[in-house]
Amino acid sequence: MQMLFAAFTFVLSSLYVLLLDHITLSSRILQKVLVIPIIILLFVLYHTIKKSGKFFSSPKDKWTFLFGGTVFIQMLVLATGGLTSPFLILIHLFMIGISFLFSFSIALLFLGFSLVVLFIDLSFYHNIQTVLLEHPSSMLLLVSFIPIVPVAYLIARHYHDKDALFSLLKSKVATDEAIFRNLREMIIVTDREFHILSANDAAIRTLQQSRSELLDKPLFDVLLLRDSNGTLVTKDTFFTKDNAGKLPKKITEPFTLITAPSPEQKVTLAVHATTHAGENSSQISFIINYTQATENTSPALLDKARAKYEALNEHIKKKLMKQNGTSLAREMLLLEKIENDTYILPTLHDSLKKNSMTHSDIAKLCQQTVRQNQEFAKIFNVLTDFALHNFGMKDIEPLTVKNYPVKPEQLTGPFFTAFCNVKNVELAIQKVFDLAILLASTGTNPQVILSVERGKQETIVVQTTGDCEMLTKDEIKNLFVPYYGKLSDKTNLHNGSGLEGYIVKRITDALIIPLEASYKNDQIVFTLTLKKNMGK
């Protein structure tokens, strides 16, 4: 639709220029007529700036500018010599400008119409052969239109791809801000010297100071904690003197928060050092969590923001794929996976606590998981498939009529339905599948298979099998801790959020789902055993 509208605009502007070129008696008169498009351009710019303070705040202004700009450039070139005009370079520059403002396709359309106008002017009012002989540089000027095409294409592609990515990141930041704003946990980020860089709303409410009062203050001057011995907590509690600003010590004991509104609140504190180019940490994150659960309504508050984020994310992915922005689309898919996990983790406690039970066909759920992860698997060139083990036509014969065209995988409901917390069971299966894809991606011709079969004593066994490099027992244990320890550098797990395995462990422990991970025959095997009635 945009291309049709642009073509219509260029047809009108080119016809208008050719009409003026025909009725004017000399180039001098044509130069005087240039006043009209100049007035149009100045009026559009003045109107948009006065109205909103921004250039081209509405589509109407953009199309008016395109019409006026095309008329102005074409008339200026014709009025000053056509192909020998010193202003011919303005066609190149305006084409690049259109690539930024609209798209490369519309810019190419502008170039085509401008060349047509030039050649019509030469054909009717000049001798092409004479012009080329008297002005040999004209041939070079014509050739100059060839390299400007790929230049405009590259500039436009990078600009619009970055613009699409910026829109997604802007939405992601808004979503993350909504998450942090409604978290019960306090999150404080400091620099290497433990001066506060940022704090979420929970920290501001608890410490009873405004954000401007907290910024740049030493952390342990405003966050007063006592350990189990009654000693006041300092930076030395988490970092040794020789290890300042590097990896923090792991401390699991609770602390007493002295600065809380109510006296003697018990909290746990997690410290995470963020490193960039050098060995030392550039930022340190402190996450303070109350040991006693309090009401948290954040999932309900975040539903609307989450829905908007997912809709925008899907729209931008499709748009990028249409524009051949495959590499950016892949990066966005990885970004989406990471964002999903960072959204899921803070809301997981409440989701598990609700424990809403319903009946669900686990086989269908697994088939859906494989379909939904096709794009993710393609990023790493991993083949994925679904399989039903020990289940065939003999099992469904009692439920069908003779010669009825039905496949076993189409009639799994009566055999693989479980009464369970479907949302979290599905999440656990998805995250295990993500783990298997990331692990398999380090090999050649990798494959991951998600299979389902009936187990003993009214159970359903969900098994994820994937190609994998050699893993020790300790490394397998690290699959279920945040960020996977040294295993992250050994495999492609660093491409994920680092929380996939931890989320699986949280869910299986809370729902009492047996989880096994083993390595044999160059494959990693994850096994989830679900009871058909998890409500008992």
Protein backbone atom coordinates (compact mmCIF):
# COMPACT_ATOMS: atom_id res chain seq x y z
CA MET A 1 0.00 0.00 0.00
CA GLN A 2 2.84 2.38 0.86
CA MET A 3 4.58 1.61 -2.46
CA LEU A 4 1.39 2.36 -4.41
CA PHE A 5 0.94 5.65 -2.60
CA ALA A 6 4.59 6.55 -3.23
CA ALA A 7 4.29 5.65 -6.92
CA PHE A 8 1.18 7.85 -7.18
CA THR A 9 3.05 10.73 -5.49
CA PHE A 10 6.01 10.41 -7.88
CA VAL A 11 3.73 10.23 -10.93
CA LEU A 12 1.96 13.45 -9.88
CA SER A 13 5.19 15.30 -9.03
CA SER A 14 6.98 14.18 -12.23
CA LEU A 15 4.01 15.11 -14.45
CA TYR A 16 3.81 18.48 -12.72
CA VAL A 17 7.54 19.12 -13.33
CA LEU A 18 7.31 18.05 -16.99
CA LEU A 19 4.24 20.27 -17.49
CA LEU A 20 6.05 23.30 -16.07
CA ASP A 21 9.13 22.44 -18.15
CA HIS A 22 6.94 22.38 -21.26
CA ILE A 23 4.99 25.61 -20.73
CA THR A 24 7.91 27.75 -19.55
CA LEU A 25 9.77 29.53 -22.32
CA SER A 26 13.20 29.47 -20.72
CA SER A 27 15.15 27.99 -17.84
CA ARG A 28 15.07 31.45 -16.24
CA ILE A 29 11.29 31.27 -15.91
CA LEU A 30 11.53 27.71 -14.60
CA GLN A 31 13.90 28.93 -11.89
CA LYS A 32 11.30 31.49 -10.84
CA VAL A 33 8.64 28.80 -10.66
CA LEU A 34 10.86 26.98 -8.12
CA VAL A 35 9.46 29.34 -5.52
CA ILE A 36 6.26 27.24 -5.33
CA PRO A 37 7.82 23.94 -4.09
CA ILE A 38 10.12 25.90 -1.77
CA ILE A 39 7.08 27.53 -0.16
CA ILE A 40 5.41 24.09 0.18
CA LEU A 41 8.50 22.61 1.89
CA LEU A 42 8.88 25.57 4.25
CA PHE A 43 5.17 25.45 5.13
CA VAL A 44 5.32 21.71 5.93
CA LEU A 45 8.41 22.13 8.11
CA TYR A 46 6.95 25.14 9.95
CA HIS A 47 3.60 23.40 10.48
CA THR A 48 5.12 20.20 11.91
CA ILE A 49 7.58 22.00 14.20
CA LYS A 50 4.92 24.38 15.53
CA LYS A 51 2.41 21.58 16.07
CA SER A 52 4.54 18.97 17.87
CA GLY A 53 8.10 20.23 18.03
CA LYS A 54 9.18 17.29 15.83
CA PHE A 55 9.78 16.79 12.12
CA PHE A 56 7.12 14.78 10.29
CA SER A 57 4.94 13.96 13.28
CA SER A 58 2.15 12.68 11.01
CA PRO A 59 2.05 10.59 7.78
CA LYS A 60 0.36 13.51 6.00
CA ASP A 61 3.40 15.74 6.61
CA LYS A 62 5.77 13.05 5.35
CA TRP A 63 3.89 12.55 2.08
CA THR A 64 3.55 16.30 1.53
CA PHE A 65 7.29 16.67 2.07
CA LEU A 66 7.94 13.80 -0.39
CA PHE A 67 5.83 15.51 -3.07
CA GLY A 68 7.30 18.98 -2.51
CA GLY A 69 10.86 17.66 -2.22
CA THR A 70 10.58 15.65 -5.44
CA VAL A 71 9.19 18.62 -7.34
CA PHE A 72 11.88 20.92 -5.96
CA ILE A 73 14.83 18.58 -6.76
CA GLN A 74 13.62 17.71 -10.27
CA MET A 75 12.81 21.33 -11.19
CA LEU A 76 16.13 22.59 -9.80
CA VAL A 77 18.08 20.07 -11.86
CA LEU A 78 16.12 20.80 -15.06
CA ALA A 79 16.32 24.58 -14.56
CA THR A 80 20.12 24.50 -14.14
CA GLY A 81 21.11 22.34 -17.07
CA GLY A 82 19.52 18.91 -16.64
CA LEU A 83 22.18 16.23 -16.93
CA THR A 84 24.95 18.87 -16.75
CA SER A 85 23.42 20.60 -13.71
CA PRO A 86 25.78 21.22 -10.75
CA PHE A 87 22.84 20.27 -8.52
CA LEU A 88 22.55 16.73 -9.94
CA ILE A 89 24.11 15.36 -6.76
CA LEU A 90 20.96 16.43 -4.88
CA ILE A 91 19.17 13.46 -6.49
CA HIS A 92 21.71 11.15 -4.81
CA LEU A 93 21.33 12.87 -1.44
CA PHE A 94 17.52 13.02 -1.59
CA MET A 95 17.44 9.31 -2.46
CA ILE A 96 19.44 8.53 0.70
CA GLY A 97 17.10 10.80 2.68
CA ILE A 98 14.05 8.93 1.39
CA SER A 99 15.74 5.63 2.38
CA PHE A 100 15.91 6.89 5.95
CA LEU A 101 12.46 8.47 6.08
CA PHE A 102 10.54 5.78 4.16
CA SER A 103 12.31 2.73 2.70
CA PHE A 104 14.88 1.74 0.10
CA SER A 105 12.16 0.62 -2.32
CA ILE A 106 10.55 4.08 -2.34
CA ALA A 107 14.00 5.69 -2.72
CA LEU A 108 14.67 3.48 -5.75
CA LEU A 109 11.30 4.52 -7.17
CA PHE A 110 12.28 8.18 -6.77
CA LEU A 111 15.55 7.58 -8.63
CA GLY A 112 13.71 5.85 -11.48
CA PHE A 113 11.16 8.67 -11.92
CA SER A 114 13.89 11.33 -11.72
CA LEU A 115 15.90 9.60 -14.47
CA VAL A 116 12.76 9.35 -16.62
CA VAL A 117 12.14 13.10 -16.19
CA LEU A 118 15.78 13.85 -17.13
CA PHE A 119 15.67 11.73 -20.29
CA ILE A 120 12.29 13.12 -21.39
CA ASP A 121 13.71 16.66 -21.00
CA LEU A 122 16.80 15.70 -23.05
CA SER A 123 14.76 13.98 -25.75
CA PHE A 124 12.29 16.83 -26.34
CA TYR A 125 14.36 19.95 -25.71
CA HIS A 126 17.97 18.89 -26.32
CA ASN A 127 19.99 16.54 -28.49
CA ILE A 128 21.23 13.65 -26.33
CA GLN A 129 24.17 12.95 -28.64
CA THR A 130 25.23 16.60 -28.66
CA VAL A 131 25.00 16.88 -24.87
CA LEU A 132 27.17 13.78 -24.38
CA LEU A 133 29.77 14.98 -26.94
CA GLU A 134 29.96 18.55 -25.61
CA HIS A 135 29.95 17.42 -22.01
CA PRO A 136 31.84 14.09 -21.70
CA SER A 137 31.52 14.29 -17.90
CA SER A 138 27.77 13.71 -18.34
CA MET A 139 28.47 10.03 -18.96
CA LEU A 140 30.30 9.84 -15.64
CA LEU A 141 27.38 11.58 -13.94
CA LEU A 142 25.01 8.97 -15.36
CA VAL A 143 27.27 6.15 -14.16
CA SER A 144 27.33 7.73 -10.68
CA PHE A 145 23.70 6.66 -10.23
CA ILE A 146 24.77 3.00 -10.21
CA PRO A 147 26.93 2.94 -7.02
CA ILE A 148 24.46 5.10 -5.09
CA VAL A 149 21.90 2.27 -5.23
CA PRO A 150 23.82 -0.28 -3.07
CA VAL A 151 25.01 2.53 -0.78
CA ALA A 152 21.42 3.66 -0.14
CA TYR A 153 20.35 0.03 0.33
CA LEU A 154 23.01 -0.69 2.98
CA ILE A 155 22.37 2.56 4.84
CA ALA A 156 18.59 2.06 4.83
CA ARG A 157 18.81 -1.59 5.88
CA HIS A 158 21.05 -0.92 8.87
CA TYR A 159 19.02 2.11 9.91
CA HIS A 160 15.61 0.41 9.75
CA ASP A 161 16.89 -2.80 11.39
CA LYS A 162 18.31 -0.80 14.27
CA ASP A 163 15.10 1.21 14.47
CA ALA A 164 13.04 -2.01 14.75
CA LEU A 165 15.42 -3.37 17.38
CA PHE A 166 15.24 -0.09 19.29
CA SER A 167 11.43 -0.32 19.35
CA LEU A 168 11.64 -3.82 20.79
CA LEU A 169 14.25 -2.83 23.36
CA LYS A 170 12.16 0.18 24.35
CA SER A 171 9.20 -2.14 24.94
CA LYS A 172 11.41 -4.57 26.85
CA VAL A 173 12.71 -1.78 29.08
CA ALA A 174 9.14 -0.70 29.82
CA THR A 175 8.22 -4.30 30.69
CA ASP A 176 11.28 -4.72 32.89
CA GLU A 177 10.51 -1.45 34.65
CA ALA A 178 6.99 -2.72 35.36
CA ILE A 179 8.47 -5.95 36.76
CA PHE A 180 11.00 -4.17 38.99
CA ARG A 181 8.40 -1.65 40.11
CA ASN A 182 6.11 -4.39 41.46
CA LEU A 183 8.70 -6.77 42.88
CA ARG A 184 8.56 -7.44 46.59
CA GLU A 185 12.33 -7.97 46.66
CA MET A 186 14.63 -4.99 47.03
CA ILE A 187 17.13 -4.61 44.17
CA ILE A 188 20.05 -2.20 44.54
CA VAL A 189 22.83 -1.81 41.98
CA THR A 190 26.18 -0.25 42.97
CA ASP A 191 29.52 0.46 41.35
CA ARG A 192 32.79 -1.20 42.41
CA GLU A 193 33.11 1.26 45.29
CA PHE A 194 29.63 0.26 46.57
CA HIS A 195 28.06 3.62 45.74
CA ILE A 196 24.39 3.22 44.75
CA LEU A 197 23.66 3.55 41.01
CA SER A 198 19.99 2.51 41.03
CA ALA A 199 17.30 1.12 43.31
CA ASN A 200 13.82 -0.25 42.64
CA ASP A 201 10.60 0.98 44.29
CA ALA A 202 10.65 -1.75 46.95
CA ALA A 203 14.06 -0.53 48.15
CA ILE A 204 12.85 3.08 48.22
CA ARG A 205 9.77 2.13 50.27
CA THR A 206 11.74 -0.02 52.69
CA LEU A 207 14.64 2.38 53.22
CA GLN A 208 12.19 5.32 53.39
CA GLN A 209 14.32 7.58 51.22
CA SER A 210 13.71 9.03 47.79
CA ARG A 211 15.62 7.78 44.76
CA SER A 212 17.62 11.05 44.54
CA GLU A 213 18.61 10.70 48.20
CA LEU A 214 19.84 7.12 47.66
CA LEU A 215 21.85 7.69 44.48
CA ASP A 216 25.65 7.85 44.91
CA LYS A 217 25.45 7.10 48.64
CA PRO A 218 27.57 4.27 50.10
CA LEU A 219 25.32 1.21 50.20
CA PHE A 220 26.05 0.12 53.76
CA ASP A 221 25.41 3.64 55.08
CA VAL A 222 21.73 3.34 54.15
CA LEU A 223 21.24 -0.46 54.19
CA LEU A 224 21.82 -1.50 57.80
CA LEU A 225 21.99 -5.27 58.32
CA ARG A 226 23.03 -7.44 61.26
CA ASP A 227 24.29 -11.01 60.93
CA SER A 228 23.41 -13.88 63.29
CA ASN A 229 26.18 -12.76 65.68
CA GLY A 230 24.76 -9.26 65.93
CA THR A 231 27.63 -7.77 63.92
CA LEU A 232 26.84 -4.94 61.51
CA VAL A 233 27.25 -6.03 57.89
CA THR A 234 29.87 -4.25 55.76
CA LYS A 235 31.37 -4.79 52.30
CA ASP A 236 33.95 -7.09 53.91
CA THR A 237 31.12 -9.50 54.70
CA PHE A 238 30.73 -10.27 50.99
CA PHE A 239 34.14 -9.39 49.56
CA THR A 240 37.58 -10.08 50.98
CA LYS A 241 40.11 -7.26 50.93
CA ASP A 242 42.12 -9.02 48.22
CA ASN A 243 39.00 -9.77 46.23
CA ALA A 244 37.27 -6.37 46.35
CA GLY A 245 35.16 -5.75 43.29
CA LYS A 246 35.57 -9.31 41.99
CA LEU A 247 33.56 -12.46 42.74
CA PRO A 248 31.47 -12.18 45.94
CA LYS A 249 31.39 -14.82 48.67
CA LYS A 250 28.30 -17.03 48.81
CA ILE A 251 26.40 -16.44 52.05
CA THR A 252 23.15 -18.28 52.74
CA GLU A 253 22.48 -17.26 56.36
CA PRO A 254 19.67 -14.74 57.00
CA PHE A 255 20.29 -11.18 58.14
CA THR A 256 18.26 -8.77 60.23
CA LEU A 257 17.23 -5.62 58.39
CA ILE A 258 17.46 -2.76 60.87
CA THR A 259 16.19 -0.05 58.52
CA ALA A 260 12.89 -1.83 57.75
CA PRO A 261 9.62 0.00 58.67
CA SER A 262 8.70 -2.79 61.11
CA PRO A 263 11.34 -3.87 63.64
CA GLU A 264 13.66 -6.83 63.02
CA GLN A 265 12.72 -8.14 59.59
CA LYS A 266 14.63 -11.28 58.55
CA VAL A 267 16.04 -11.14 55.02
CA THR A 268 18.39 -13.05 52.76
CA LEU A 269 20.83 -11.24 50.51
CA ALA A 270 22.17 -12.38 47.14
CA VAL A 271 25.12 -10.59 45.54
CA HIS A 272 25.89 -10.77 41.82
CA ALA A 273 28.94 -9.09 40.26
CA THR A 274 28.61 -8.06 36.60
CA THR A 275 31.86 -8.11 34.62
CA HIS A 276 32.49 -6.64 31.20
CA ALA A 277 35.82 -6.33 29.44
CA GLY A 278 38.19 -6.57 32.40
CA GLU A 279 38.52 -8.95 35.31
CA ASN A 280 37.04 -6.58 37.87
CA SER A 281 33.32 -6.02 38.28
CA SER A 282 31.85 -2.85 36.83
CA GLN A 283 28.54 -3.22 38.69
CA ILE A 284 27.36 -5.19 41.70
CA SER A 285 23.70 -6.15 42.23
CA PHE A 286 22.27 -6.74 45.70
CA ILE A 287 18.94 -8.57 45.88
CA ILE A 288 17.32 -8.51 49.32
CA ASN A 289 14.45 -10.92 49.88
CA TYR A 290 12.23 -11.26 52.95
CA THR A 291 12.32 -14.75 54.45
CA GLN A 292 8.64 -14.48 55.48
CA ALA A 293 6.33 -14.52 52.46
CA THR A 294 4.10 -11.52 52.04
CA GLU A 295 1.29 -10.83 49.65
CA ASN A 296 2.55 -10.23 46.14
CA THR A 297 0.15 -9.19 43.44
CA SER A 298 2.79 -8.50 40.79
CA PRO A 299 1.68 -11.23 38.31
CA ALA A 300 -1.80 -9.73 38.02
CA LEU A 301 -0.39 -6.24 37.68
CA LEU A 302 2.01 -7.33 34.95
CA ASP A 303 -0.46 -9.21 32.74
CA LYS A 304 -1.40 -6.18 30.62
CA ALA A 305 2.21 -5.04 30.13
CA ARG A 306 3.22 -8.60 29.32
CA ALA A 307 0.51 -9.00 26.68
CA LYS A 308 1.54 -5.73 25.01
CA TYR A 309 5.20 -6.80 25.01
CA GLU A 310 4.48 -10.19 23.43
CA ALA A 311 2.24 -8.66 20.73
CA LEU A 312 4.86 -6.03 19.82
CA ASN A 313 7.66 -8.58 19.89
CA GLU A 314 5.81 -10.92 17.51
CA HIS A 315 4.97 -8.03 15.17
CA ILE A 316 8.59 -6.87 14.96
CA LYS A 317 9.88 -10.42 14.39
CA LYS A 318 7.52 -10.91 11.44
CA LYS A 319 8.44 -7.48 10.06
CA LEU A 320 12.16 -8.26 10.27
CA MET A 321 11.72 -11.61 8.54
CA LYS A 322 9.83 -9.90 5.69
CA GLN A 323 12.65 -7.35 5.35
CA ASN A 324 15.29 -10.11 5.24
CA GLY A 325 16.57 -9.10 8.68
CA THR A 326 17.20 -12.75 9.52
CA SER A 327 20.20 -12.20 11.80
CA LEU A 328 18.38 -9.53 13.81
CA ALA A 329 15.27 -11.73 14.02
CA ARG A 330 17.43 -14.50 15.49
CA GLU A 331 18.96 -12.15 18.04
CA MET A 332 15.47 -10.99 18.96
CA LEU A 333 14.36 -14.59 19.47
CA LEU A 334 17.26 -15.13 21.89
CA LEU A 335 16.38 -11.85 23.57
CA GLU A 336 12.77 -13.00 23.90
CA LYS A 337 13.87 -16.27 25.55
CA ILE A 338 16.02 -14.38 28.07
CA GLU A 339 13.27 -11.87 28.78
CA ASN A 340 10.72 -14.66 29.28
CA ASP A 341 12.88 -16.31 31.92
CA THR A 342 13.55 -13.04 33.74
CA TYR A 343 9.79 -12.44 33.79
CA ILE A 344 8.93 -15.99 34.88
CA LEU A 345 11.37 -16.27 37.79
CA PRO A 346 10.00 -13.46 40.02
CA THR A 347 6.41 -14.64 39.45
CA LEU A 348 7.14 -18.37 39.84
CA HIS A 349 6.61 -18.45 43.62
CA ASP A 350 3.04 -17.17 43.37
CA SER A 351 2.29 -19.37 40.35
CA LEU A 352 3.36 -22.51 42.22
CA LYS A 353 1.54 -21.42 45.35
CA LYS A 354 -1.79 -21.20 43.49
CA ASN A 355 -1.39 -24.79 42.31
CA SER A 356 -4.39 -24.56 39.99
CA MET A 357 -5.06 -28.12 38.80
CA THR A 358 -6.71 -29.16 35.56
CA HIS A 359 -6.75 -32.08 33.11
CA SER A 360 -4.37 -31.90 30.17
CA ASP A 361 -3.12 -34.23 27.43
CA ILE A 362 0.62 -34.37 28.10
CA ALA A 363 1.38 -35.88 24.68
CA LYS A 364 -0.36 -32.98 22.90
CA LEU A 365 1.40 -30.55 25.21
CA CYS A 366 4.79 -32.03 24.22
CA GLN A 367 3.95 -31.91 20.50
CA GLN A 368 3.08 -28.25 20.93
CA THR A 369 6.39 -27.60 22.72
CA VAL A 370 8.33 -29.05 19.78
CA ARG A 371 6.39 -26.92 17.28
CA GLN A 372 6.82 -23.71 19.27
CA ASN A 373 10.59 -24.21 19.57
CA GLN A 374 11.25 -24.82 15.87
CA GLU A 375 12.60 -21.30 15.25
CA PHE A 376 14.75 -21.43 18.39
CA ALA A 377 16.26 -24.76 17.31
CA LYS A 378 16.93 -23.47 13.78
CA ILE A 379 19.15 -20.72 15.19
CA PHE A 380 21.58 -23.42 16.38
CA ASN A 381 20.96 -25.79 13.43
CA VAL A 382 19.44 -28.38 15.76
CA LEU A 383 16.90 -30.86 14.39
CA THR A 384 13.96 -31.51 16.71
CA ASP A 385 11.28 -34.19 16.70
CA PHE A 386 8.48 -35.67 18.80
CA ALA A 387 8.01 -39.39 19.48
CA LEU A 388 5.44 -41.65 21.17
CA HIS A 389 7.11 -44.76 22.58
CA ASN A 390 5.33 -48.09 23.09
CA PHE A 391 2.06 -46.75 21.74
CA GLY A 392 0.42 -47.71 18.47
CA MET A 393 -2.70 -48.86 16.61
CA LYS A 394 -3.30 -51.80 18.97
CA ASP A 395 -3.75 -49.40 21.88
CA ILE A 396 -6.40 -47.28 20.18
CA GLU A 397 -8.29 -50.11 18.42
CA PRO A 398 -10.84 -50.52 21.25
CA LEU A 399 -11.72 -46.84 20.90
CA THR A 400 -12.14 -46.75 17.10
CA VAL A 401 -14.18 -48.46 14.42
CA LYS A 402 -12.58 -50.76 11.87
CA ASN A 403 -10.75 -49.09 8.97
CA TYR A 404 -11.27 -45.63 10.50
CA PRO A 405 -8.40 -43.38 9.31
CA VAL A 406 -6.87 -42.22 12.59
CA LYS A 407 -3.27 -42.19 13.74
CA PRO A 408 -2.18 -43.08 17.30
CA GLU A 409 -0.80 -39.57 17.92
CA GLN A 410 -4.25 -38.15 17.13
CA LEU A 411 -5.92 -40.11 19.92
CA THR A 412 -3.61 -39.68 22.88
CA GLY A 413 -6.12 -38.06 25.25
CA PRO A 414 -7.49 -41.21 26.94
CA PHE A 415 -3.96 -42.53 27.56
CA PHE A 416 -1.80 -39.50 28.34
CA THR A 417 -4.10 -37.13 30.23
CA ALA A 418 -2.88 -35.97 33.64
CA PHE A 419 -4.56 -33.96 36.37
CA CYS A 420 -1.84 -31.45 37.22
CA ASN A 421 -0.70 -27.84 37.44
CA VAL A 422 -0.64 -27.56 33.64
CA LYS A 423 0.95 -24.12 33.38
CA ASN A 424 4.02 -25.05 35.40
CA VAL A 425 4.32 -28.60 34.06
CA GLU A 426 4.35 -27.19 30.53
CA LEU A 427 6.92 -24.60 31.59
CA ALA A 428 9.19 -27.31 33.05
CA ILE A 429 9.00 -29.34 29.82
CA GLN A 430 9.72 -26.24 27.71
CA LYS A 431 12.76 -25.27 29.77
CA VAL A 432 14.17 -28.81 29.68
CA PHE A 433 13.72 -28.78 25.91
CA ASP A 434 15.54 -25.41 25.71
CA LEU A 435 18.38 -26.85 27.80
CA ALA A 436 18.72 -29.86 25.49
CA ILE A 437 18.82 -27.61 22.39
CA LEU A 438 21.54 -25.39 23.86
CA LEU A 439 23.61 -28.42 24.89
CA ALA A 440 23.18 -30.17 21.53
CA SER A 441 24.13 -27.09 19.51
CA THR A 442 27.86 -27.50 20.23
CA GLY A 443 28.04 -30.70 18.13
CA THR A 444 27.76 -31.49 14.42
CA ASN A 445 24.36 -32.48 12.98
CA PRO A 446 22.75 -32.23 16.43
CA GLN A 447 19.30 -33.59 17.20
CA VAL A 448 16.89 -33.36 20.14
CA ILE A 449 13.89 -35.66 20.56
CA LEU A 450 11.04 -35.07 22.99
CA SER A 451 9.24 -38.33 23.69
CA VAL A 452 6.31 -39.50 25.81
CA GLU A 453 5.38 -42.98 27.03
CA ARG A 454 3.17 -44.57 29.63
CA GLY A 455 5.04 -45.46 32.80
CA LYS A 456 4.32 -47.82 35.64
CA GLN A 457 1.73 -47.21 38.36
CA GLU A 458 -0.38 -44.65 36.49
CA THR A 459 2.49 -42.39 35.44
CA ILE A 460 3.54 -40.61 32.24
CA VAL A 461 7.24 -40.44 31.40
CA VAL A 462 8.42 -37.37 29.46
CA GLN A 463 11.94 -37.80 28.14
CA THR A 464 14.13 -35.28 26.32
CA THR A 465 17.14 -36.77 24.57
CA GLY A 466 19.77 -34.68 22.82
CA ASP A 467 23.26 -34.98 21.42
CA CYS A 468 25.81 -33.58 23.83
CA GLU A 469 29.52 -33.38 24.56
CA MET A 470 30.89 -35.36 27.51
CA LEU A 471 29.48 -34.21 30.87
CA THR A 472 30.61 -35.35 34.31
CA LYS A 473 28.20 -35.97 37.20
CA ASP A 474 29.18 -32.65 38.80
CA GLU A 475 28.58 -30.83 35.51
CA ILE A 476 25.14 -32.44 35.21
CA LYS A 477 24.32 -31.12 38.69
CA ASN A 478 25.37 -27.64 37.54
CA LEU A 479 22.64 -27.75 34.87
CA PHE A 480 20.10 -26.92 37.59
CA VAL A 481 21.91 -24.02 39.29
CA PRO A 482 21.73 -20.41 38.07
CA TYR A 483 24.18 -19.63 35.24
CA TYR A 484 25.55 -23.21 35.23
CA GLY A 485 28.98 -22.43 36.73
CA LYS A 486 31.95 -23.38 34.50
CA LEU A 487 29.61 -25.40 32.29
CA SER A 488 28.40 -22.13 30.74
CA ASP A 489 31.75 -21.56 29.00
CA LYS A 490 32.14 -25.20 27.94
CA THR A 491 28.82 -25.30 26.05
CA ASN A 492 26.40 -22.92 24.33
CA LEU A 493 24.43 -22.49 27.56
CA HIS A 494 25.74 -18.92 27.74
CA ASN A 495 23.40 -18.09 24.82
CA GLY A 496 20.40 -18.68 27.09
CA SER A 497 19.25 -16.73 30.12
CA GLY A 498 21.20 -18.93 32.56
CA LEU A 499 17.95 -19.61 34.43
CA GLU A 500 16.42 -22.46 32.40
CA GLY A 501 17.68 -25.31 34.59
CA TYR A 502 17.05 -23.39 37.81
CA ILE A 503 13.41 -22.79 36.81
CA VAL A 504 13.00 -26.52 36.04
CA LYS A 505 14.42 -27.43 39.45
CA ARG A 506 12.16 -24.96 41.26
CA ILE A 507 9.06 -26.36 39.54
CA THR A 508 9.89 -30.06 39.96
CA ASP A 509 10.78 -29.60 43.64
CA ALA A 510 7.61 -27.63 44.36
CA LEU A 511 5.30 -30.04 42.49
CA ILE A 512 7.21 -33.15 43.65
CA ILE A 513 7.93 -34.31 40.10
CA PRO A 514 10.84 -36.80 39.88
CA LEU A 515 13.56 -35.34 37.65
CA GLU A 516 16.55 -37.28 36.40
CA ALA A 517 19.42 -36.19 34.15
CA SER A 518 21.98 -38.68 32.86
CA TYR A 519 24.67 -38.89 30.21
CA LYS A 520 25.26 -41.96 28.07
CA ASN A 521 26.26 -42.76 24.48
CA ASP A 522 27.15 -39.12 23.73
CA GLN A 523 23.65 -37.99 24.69
CA ILE A 524 22.08 -36.12 27.58
CA VAL A 525 18.76 -37.58 28.76
CA PHE A 526 16.29 -35.63 30.92
CA THR A 527 13.42 -37.65 32.40
CA LEU A 528 10.29 -36.23 34.05
CA THR A 529 7.89 -38.72 35.62
CA LEU A 530 4.37 -37.32 36.02
CA LYS A 531 1.57 -38.91 38.01
CA LYS A 532 -1.70 -39.08 36.12
CA ASN A 533 -3.37 -37.62 39.19
CA MET A 534 -1.04 -35.17 40.87
CA GLY A 535 -3.84 -33.98 43.11
CA LYS A 536 -3.56 -37.07 45.33
